[in-house]
Every structure is written in structure tokens, then in C-alpha cells.
Amino acid sequence: MSKPLVTSKFFKEAEFQKCSPPCSLQDMDQSFMNFLDRLRESSGIPLRITSAYRSVAHEKKNNRSGNSAHTEGKAVDIATPNSSVRYNVLKAAFAQNCKRIGINFEKNFIHVDTSTKLDQNVLWKY
């Protein structure tokens, strides 16, 4: 039995192939993509994903633990080129009850994820 195709109302396969590292919409968790679609709708602005699924091997190669929500297909980093976009993404994330958010002001992105294996109700900066 094959896995059902992961779908999204707003995000296309090509966007995931442009991520760093490149990945596929099919690497993502469907419930996370449903969350991301609601986040996009709630924010009222297009969202540009810069990083999505990352393999454990990729994480370890880059001196990370290998247990991030990215390895579960339940995380993305969203480009936030200015304070207005950053505000809209954060407002939408809180409206969607996102319990894990990271902000990087130097590289201008916000990380959102729905992992239940990692600490909940956290907001961190890079």
C-alpha cells in the first residue's frame, strides 16, 4: 500500500525544490501542510519557504543533533524580508496555535513547526 500524496492549497512542488536543501512536498507531513495552508490564509500574504524537510544525515553533516522537526517533515523556515512580513507571520502563527517558533533576525526568517516530540510553548531566537 502506497502512502497517500501530500497536498497543499497554496504551496507547490517547485517551492520545495528551491529550499535549502532541496526537498519535495512529498517529504512533508500532511497535517503540517494543512497547518501551513491555514497559516498562509491567516497571514494574508504569500509565504516563501527557504527550508523544509531535512534528512537526519543532512542535519548531522551540518553539526546539528538530527532530531529537529525538519526531519519529521513538520517544520519550515519562512523568509521574512521586513518587519511587516515578520509581524504577519508571527500573528498568524499564534492565531493557528503554533507552539514552536524560532526567529532569526540576521538571516530574516521565522521557523514554525508542529512537532509534538520536542519542547512545547517555546519561542527562541537564533
N, C-alpha and C. Protein backbone atom coordinates (compact mmCIF):
# COMPACT_ATOMS: atom_id res chain seq x y z
N MET A 1 0.84 -1.18 0.00
CA MET A 1 0.00 0.00 0.00
C MET A 1 0.89 1.25 0.00
N SER A 2 0.67 2.13 -0.94
CA SER A 2 1.50 3.33 -1.03
C SER A 2 0.93 4.45 -0.16
N LYS A 3 1.82 5.33 0.24
CA LYS A 3 1.46 6.47 1.07
C LYS A 3 0.63 7.45 0.24
N PRO A 4 -0.44 8.01 0.82
CA PRO A 4 -1.24 8.99 0.07
C PRO A 4 -0.39 10.21 -0.28
N LEU A 5 -0.67 10.83 -1.40
CA LEU A 5 0.06 12.02 -1.81
C LEU A 5 -0.20 13.17 -0.84
N VAL A 6 0.86 13.87 -0.51
CA VAL A 6 0.74 15.07 0.32
C VAL A 6 0.31 16.20 -0.60
N THR A 7 -0.68 16.96 -0.17
CA THR A 7 -1.21 18.05 -0.98
C THR A 7 -1.21 19.36 -0.20
N SER A 8 -1.33 20.45 -0.92
CA SER A 8 -1.38 21.77 -0.32
C SER A 8 -2.21 22.69 -1.19
N LYS A 9 -2.96 23.55 -0.55
CA LYS A 9 -3.77 24.53 -1.27
C LYS A 9 -2.89 25.63 -1.86
N PHE A 10 -1.84 26.04 -1.13
CA PHE A 10 -1.05 27.20 -1.53
C PHE A 10 0.37 26.88 -1.99
N PHE A 11 0.94 25.79 -1.54
CA PHE A 11 2.36 25.51 -1.79
C PHE A 11 2.53 24.44 -2.85
N LYS A 12 3.44 24.69 -3.78
CA LYS A 12 3.66 23.80 -4.93
C LYS A 12 4.99 23.07 -4.79
N GLU A 13 5.10 21.97 -5.50
CA GLU A 13 6.31 21.15 -5.50
C GLU A 13 7.56 21.97 -5.79
N ALA A 14 7.49 22.85 -6.76
CA ALA A 14 8.66 23.65 -7.16
C ALA A 14 9.22 24.47 -6.01
N GLU A 15 8.36 24.93 -5.11
CA GLU A 15 8.83 25.72 -3.96
C GLU A 15 9.71 24.89 -3.04
N PHE A 16 9.40 23.62 -2.89
CA PHE A 16 10.18 22.75 -2.02
C PHE A 16 11.51 22.40 -2.68
N GLN A 17 11.52 22.33 -3.99
CA GLN A 17 12.76 22.03 -4.70
C GLN A 17 13.74 23.20 -4.65
N LYS A 18 13.24 24.41 -4.35
CA LYS A 18 14.10 25.60 -4.22
C LYS A 18 14.63 25.78 -2.79
N CYS A 19 14.16 24.94 -1.87
CA CYS A 19 14.60 25.05 -0.48
C CYS A 19 16.07 24.67 -0.34
N SER A 20 16.61 25.03 0.80
CA SER A 20 17.97 24.62 1.13
C SER A 20 17.93 23.72 2.36
N PRO A 21 18.20 22.43 2.20
CA PRO A 21 18.47 21.72 0.95
C PRO A 21 17.18 21.46 0.19
N PRO A 22 17.29 21.20 -1.11
CA PRO A 22 16.09 20.89 -1.90
C PRO A 22 15.38 19.65 -1.33
N CYS A 23 14.07 19.69 -1.37
CA CYS A 23 13.27 18.55 -0.90
C CYS A 23 12.01 18.47 -1.75
N SER A 24 11.06 17.70 -1.30
CA SER A 24 9.82 17.51 -2.04
C SER A 24 8.62 17.76 -1.13
N LEU A 25 7.55 18.20 -1.70
CA LEU A 25 6.29 18.30 -0.96
C LEU A 25 5.96 16.94 -0.35
N GLN A 26 6.35 15.87 -1.03
CA GLN A 26 6.05 14.52 -0.55
C GLN A 26 6.88 14.13 0.68
N ASP A 27 7.90 14.89 1.00
CA ASP A 27 8.68 14.67 2.23
C ASP A 27 7.95 15.22 3.46
N MET A 28 6.94 16.04 3.23
CA MET A 28 6.28 16.74 4.31
C MET A 28 5.13 15.92 4.88
N ASP A 29 4.78 16.23 6.11
CA ASP A 29 3.65 15.60 6.81
C ASP A 29 2.36 16.31 6.39
N GLN A 30 1.32 15.55 6.06
CA GLN A 30 0.07 16.16 5.58
C GLN A 30 -0.56 17.07 6.63
N SER A 31 -0.57 16.66 7.87
CA SER A 31 -1.19 17.51 8.90
C SER A 31 -0.41 18.82 9.04
N PHE A 32 0.92 18.77 8.87
CA PHE A 32 1.71 20.00 8.91
C PHE A 32 1.36 20.89 7.72
N MET A 33 1.20 20.30 6.55
CA MET A 33 0.85 21.09 5.37
C MET A 33 -0.52 21.73 5.53
N ASN A 34 -1.44 21.04 6.17
CA ASN A 34 -2.75 21.64 6.46
C ASN A 34 -2.58 22.85 7.36
N PHE A 35 -1.71 22.71 8.39
CA PHE A 35 -1.39 23.83 9.28
C PHE A 35 -0.78 24.98 8.47
N LEU A 36 0.18 24.66 7.59
CA LEU A 36 0.86 25.69 6.81
C LEU A 36 -0.11 26.42 5.87
N ASP A 37 -1.05 25.69 5.30
CA ASP A 37 -2.08 26.33 4.46
C ASP A 37 -2.93 27.29 5.30
N ARG A 38 -3.30 26.87 6.51
CA ARG A 38 -4.07 27.77 7.40
C ARG A 38 -3.24 28.99 7.79
N LEU A 39 -1.95 28.78 8.03
CA LEU A 39 -1.05 29.88 8.37
C LEU A 39 -0.98 30.88 7.22
N ARG A 40 -0.84 30.38 6.01
CA ARG A 40 -0.79 31.24 4.83
C ARG A 40 -2.09 32.03 4.68
N GLU A 41 -3.21 31.34 4.85
CA GLU A 41 -4.51 32.00 4.72
C GLU A 41 -4.68 33.07 5.80
N SER A 42 -4.31 32.72 7.01
CA SER A 42 -4.44 33.64 8.15
C SER A 42 -3.52 34.86 8.01
N SER A 43 -2.33 34.65 7.47
CA SER A 43 -1.38 35.77 7.35
C SER A 43 -1.81 36.76 6.28
N GLY A 44 -2.53 36.28 5.26
CA GLY A 44 -3.00 37.16 4.21
C GLY A 44 -1.91 37.57 3.23
N ILE A 45 -0.75 36.96 3.31
CA ILE A 45 0.36 37.29 2.41
C ILE A 45 0.98 36.01 1.87
N PRO A 46 1.59 36.07 0.69
CA PRO A 46 2.34 34.90 0.21
C PRO A 46 3.50 34.60 1.15
N LEU A 47 3.80 33.34 1.36
CA LEU A 47 4.90 32.94 2.22
C LEU A 47 5.94 32.22 1.38
N ARG A 48 7.21 32.64 1.52
CA ARG A 48 8.29 31.99 0.79
C ARG A 48 9.05 31.09 1.75
N ILE A 49 9.02 29.81 1.46
CA ILE A 49 9.70 28.82 2.29
C ILE A 49 11.16 28.74 1.85
N THR A 50 12.08 28.84 2.83
CA THR A 50 13.50 28.75 2.50
C THR A 50 14.11 27.40 2.90
N SER A 51 13.49 26.72 3.85
CA SER A 51 13.95 25.40 4.28
C SER A 51 12.74 24.62 4.77
N ALA A 52 12.69 23.34 4.41
CA ALA A 52 11.57 22.49 4.83
C ALA A 52 12.15 21.18 5.34
N TYR A 53 11.85 20.08 4.66
CA TYR A 53 12.37 18.78 5.10
C TYR A 53 13.89 18.73 4.99
N ARG A 54 14.51 18.18 6.03
CA ARG A 54 15.96 17.93 6.02
C ARG A 54 16.18 16.54 6.60
N SER A 55 16.99 15.75 5.94
CA SER A 55 17.27 14.40 6.43
C SER A 55 18.13 14.45 7.70
N VAL A 56 18.08 13.38 8.46
CA VAL A 56 18.93 13.27 9.65
C VAL A 56 20.39 13.37 9.24
N ALA A 57 20.76 12.73 8.14
CA ALA A 57 22.15 12.79 7.66
C ALA A 57 22.56 14.22 7.35
N HIS A 58 21.67 14.98 6.70
CA HIS A 58 21.97 16.39 6.40
C HIS A 58 22.16 17.18 7.70
N GLU A 59 21.29 16.96 8.64
CA GLU A 59 21.38 17.67 9.93
C GLU A 59 22.71 17.38 10.62
N LYS A 60 23.07 16.12 10.69
CA LYS A 60 24.31 15.73 11.37
C LYS A 60 25.54 16.25 10.62
N LYS A 61 25.48 16.23 9.30
CA LYS A 61 26.58 16.75 8.48
C LYS A 61 26.81 18.23 8.77
N ASN A 62 25.74 18.94 9.17
CA ASN A 62 25.82 20.37 9.46
C ASN A 62 25.89 20.64 10.96
N ASN A 63 26.42 19.66 11.70
CA ASN A 63 26.66 19.80 13.14
C ASN A 63 25.40 20.09 13.95
N ARG A 64 24.29 19.48 13.53
CA ARG A 64 23.04 19.59 14.28
C ARG A 64 22.74 18.22 14.89
N SER A 65 21.80 18.18 15.80
CA SER A 65 21.50 16.94 16.55
C SER A 65 20.88 15.85 15.69
N GLY A 66 20.15 16.22 14.66
CA GLY A 66 19.47 15.22 13.84
C GLY A 66 18.06 14.92 14.31
N ASN A 67 17.59 15.62 15.33
CA ASN A 67 16.23 15.35 15.81
C ASN A 67 15.31 16.57 15.68
N SER A 68 15.60 17.45 14.73
CA SER A 68 14.76 18.63 14.57
C SER A 68 13.43 18.25 13.93
N ALA A 69 12.47 19.15 14.05
CA ALA A 69 11.16 18.93 13.43
C ALA A 69 11.27 18.89 11.91
N HIS A 70 12.34 19.46 11.35
CA HIS A 70 12.55 19.38 9.90
C HIS A 70 12.67 17.93 9.46
N THR A 71 13.28 17.08 10.29
CA THR A 71 13.47 15.67 9.91
C THR A 71 12.17 14.88 9.95
N GLU A 72 11.15 15.45 10.59
CA GLU A 72 9.82 14.83 10.65
C GLU A 72 8.92 15.31 9.51
N GLY A 73 9.38 16.31 8.76
CA GLY A 73 8.52 16.93 7.74
C GLY A 73 7.46 17.80 8.38
N LYS A 74 7.76 18.31 9.58
CA LYS A 74 6.79 19.12 10.32
C LYS A 74 7.33 20.51 10.65
N ALA A 75 8.23 21.03 9.80
CA ALA A 75 8.81 22.34 10.04
C ALA A 75 9.19 23.02 8.74
N VAL A 76 9.11 24.34 8.75
CA VAL A 76 9.62 25.15 7.65
C VAL A 76 10.23 26.42 8.23
N ASP A 77 11.14 27.00 7.44
CA ASP A 77 11.64 28.34 7.70
C ASP A 77 11.02 29.22 6.63
N ILE A 78 10.45 30.35 7.07
CA ILE A 78 9.75 31.25 6.17
C ILE A 78 10.52 32.55 6.08
N ALA A 79 10.81 33.01 4.86
CA ALA A 79 11.52 34.27 4.66
C ALA A 79 10.69 35.43 5.20
N THR A 80 11.36 36.30 5.95
CA THR A 80 10.70 37.49 6.49
C THR A 80 11.60 38.69 6.17
N PRO A 81 11.51 39.20 4.95
CA PRO A 81 12.43 40.25 4.50
C PRO A 81 12.25 41.61 5.17
N ASN A 82 11.13 41.80 5.88
CA ASN A 82 10.93 43.08 6.57
C ASN A 82 10.05 42.87 7.80
N SER A 83 9.92 43.90 8.60
CA SER A 83 9.20 43.78 9.87
C SER A 83 7.71 43.54 9.67
N SER A 84 7.15 44.05 8.58
CA SER A 84 5.73 43.84 8.32
C SER A 84 5.43 42.36 8.04
N VAL A 85 6.25 41.73 7.20
CA VAL A 85 6.08 40.30 6.92
C VAL A 85 6.31 39.51 8.20
N ARG A 86 7.36 39.86 8.95
CA ARG A 86 7.66 39.16 10.20
C ARG A 86 6.45 39.24 11.15
N TYR A 87 5.87 40.41 11.28
CA TYR A 87 4.71 40.59 12.15
C TYR A 87 3.53 39.72 11.69
N ASN A 88 3.23 39.74 10.38
CA ASN A 88 2.10 38.96 9.86
C ASN A 88 2.30 37.47 10.05
N VAL A 89 3.53 36.99 9.87
CA VAL A 89 3.80 35.56 10.06
C VAL A 89 3.63 35.20 11.54
N LEU A 90 4.19 36.01 12.43
CA LEU A 90 4.05 35.72 13.87
C LEU A 90 2.60 35.78 14.32
N LYS A 91 1.87 36.80 13.88
CA LYS A 91 0.46 36.93 14.24
C LYS A 91 -0.33 35.70 13.78
N ALA A 92 -0.08 35.26 12.55
CA ALA A 92 -0.77 34.10 12.02
C ALA A 92 -0.37 32.82 12.75
N ALA A 93 0.91 32.70 13.09
CA ALA A 93 1.39 31.51 13.82
C ALA A 93 0.71 31.41 15.17
N PHE A 94 0.61 32.52 15.88
CA PHE A 94 -0.08 32.50 17.18
C PHE A 94 -1.57 32.22 17.00
N ALA A 95 -2.16 32.77 15.94
CA ALA A 95 -3.59 32.53 15.67
C ALA A 95 -3.86 31.06 15.37
N GLN A 96 -2.87 30.37 14.79
CA GLN A 96 -3.02 28.95 14.48
C GLN A 96 -2.52 28.07 15.62
N ASN A 97 -2.29 28.67 16.78
CA ASN A 97 -1.88 27.95 17.98
C ASN A 97 -0.55 27.22 17.80
N CYS A 98 0.36 27.82 17.04
CA CYS A 98 1.69 27.24 16.86
C CYS A 98 2.44 27.31 18.20
N LYS A 99 2.96 26.19 18.64
CA LYS A 99 3.60 26.09 19.94
C LYS A 99 5.13 26.06 19.86
N ARG A 100 5.69 26.19 18.64
CA ARG A 100 7.14 26.16 18.46
C ARG A 100 7.52 27.16 17.36
N ILE A 101 8.17 28.25 17.77
CA ILE A 101 8.53 29.31 16.82
C ILE A 101 9.96 29.76 17.11
N GLY A 102 10.75 29.89 16.06
CA GLY A 102 12.09 30.44 16.17
C GLY A 102 12.22 31.63 15.24
N ILE A 103 12.96 32.65 15.69
CA ILE A 103 13.13 33.86 14.89
C ILE A 103 14.62 34.12 14.67
N ASN A 104 14.98 34.35 13.41
CA ASN A 104 16.35 34.71 13.08
C ASN A 104 16.32 36.08 12.42
N PHE A 105 16.80 37.09 13.16
CA PHE A 105 16.78 38.46 12.65
C PHE A 105 17.92 38.70 11.66
N GLU A 106 19.04 38.02 11.82
CA GLU A 106 20.18 38.22 10.92
C GLU A 106 19.93 37.65 9.54
N LYS A 107 19.33 36.46 9.48
CA LYS A 107 19.07 35.82 8.19
C LYS A 107 17.63 36.02 7.73
N ASN A 108 16.86 36.77 8.51
CA ASN A 108 15.49 37.15 8.14
C ASN A 108 14.58 35.98 7.81
N PHE A 109 14.39 35.10 8.81
CA PHE A 109 13.41 34.03 8.65
C PHE A 109 12.77 33.71 9.98
N ILE A 110 11.60 33.09 9.89
CA ILE A 110 10.90 32.57 11.06
C ILE A 110 10.70 31.07 10.84
N HIS A 111 11.05 30.30 11.85
CA HIS A 111 10.85 28.85 11.85
C HIS A 111 9.53 28.58 12.56
N VAL A 112 8.69 27.75 11.95
CA VAL A 112 7.47 27.26 12.60
C VAL A 112 7.45 25.75 12.46
N ASP A 113 6.99 25.08 13.52
CA ASP A 113 6.86 23.63 13.42
C ASP A 113 5.75 23.13 14.32
N THR A 114 5.33 21.90 14.05
CA THR A 114 4.24 21.29 14.82
C THR A 114 4.67 19.98 15.46
N SER A 115 5.97 19.80 15.67
CA SER A 115 6.45 18.59 16.31
C SER A 115 5.86 18.47 17.71
N THR A 116 5.45 17.28 18.07
CA THR A 116 4.99 17.03 19.44
C THR A 116 6.05 16.29 20.23
N LYS A 117 7.16 15.94 19.57
CA LYS A 117 8.25 15.23 20.24
C LYS A 117 9.21 16.18 20.94
N LEU A 118 9.16 17.44 20.57
CA LEU A 118 10.07 18.45 21.11
C LEU A 118 9.34 19.37 22.08
N ASP A 119 10.10 20.17 22.83
CA ASP A 119 9.51 21.08 23.82
C ASP A 119 8.39 21.91 23.21
N GLN A 120 7.35 22.14 23.99
CA GLN A 120 6.18 22.88 23.54
C GLN A 120 6.15 24.26 24.20
N ASN A 121 5.36 25.16 23.60
CA ASN A 121 5.19 26.52 24.10
C ASN A 121 6.53 27.21 24.25
N VAL A 122 7.29 27.20 23.14
CA VAL A 122 8.61 27.82 23.14
C VAL A 122 8.74 28.81 21.99
N LEU A 123 9.48 29.87 22.26
CA LEU A 123 9.81 30.90 21.27
C LEU A 123 11.29 31.18 21.47
N TRP A 124 12.09 30.98 20.42
CA TRP A 124 13.53 31.18 20.57
C TRP A 124 14.05 32.06 19.46
N LYS A 125 15.27 32.58 19.68
CA LYS A 125 15.95 33.33 18.64
C LYS A 125 17.22 32.60 18.28
N TYR A 126 17.66 32.80 17.05
CA TYR A 126 18.89 32.19 16.56
C TYR A 126 20.01 33.19 16.72
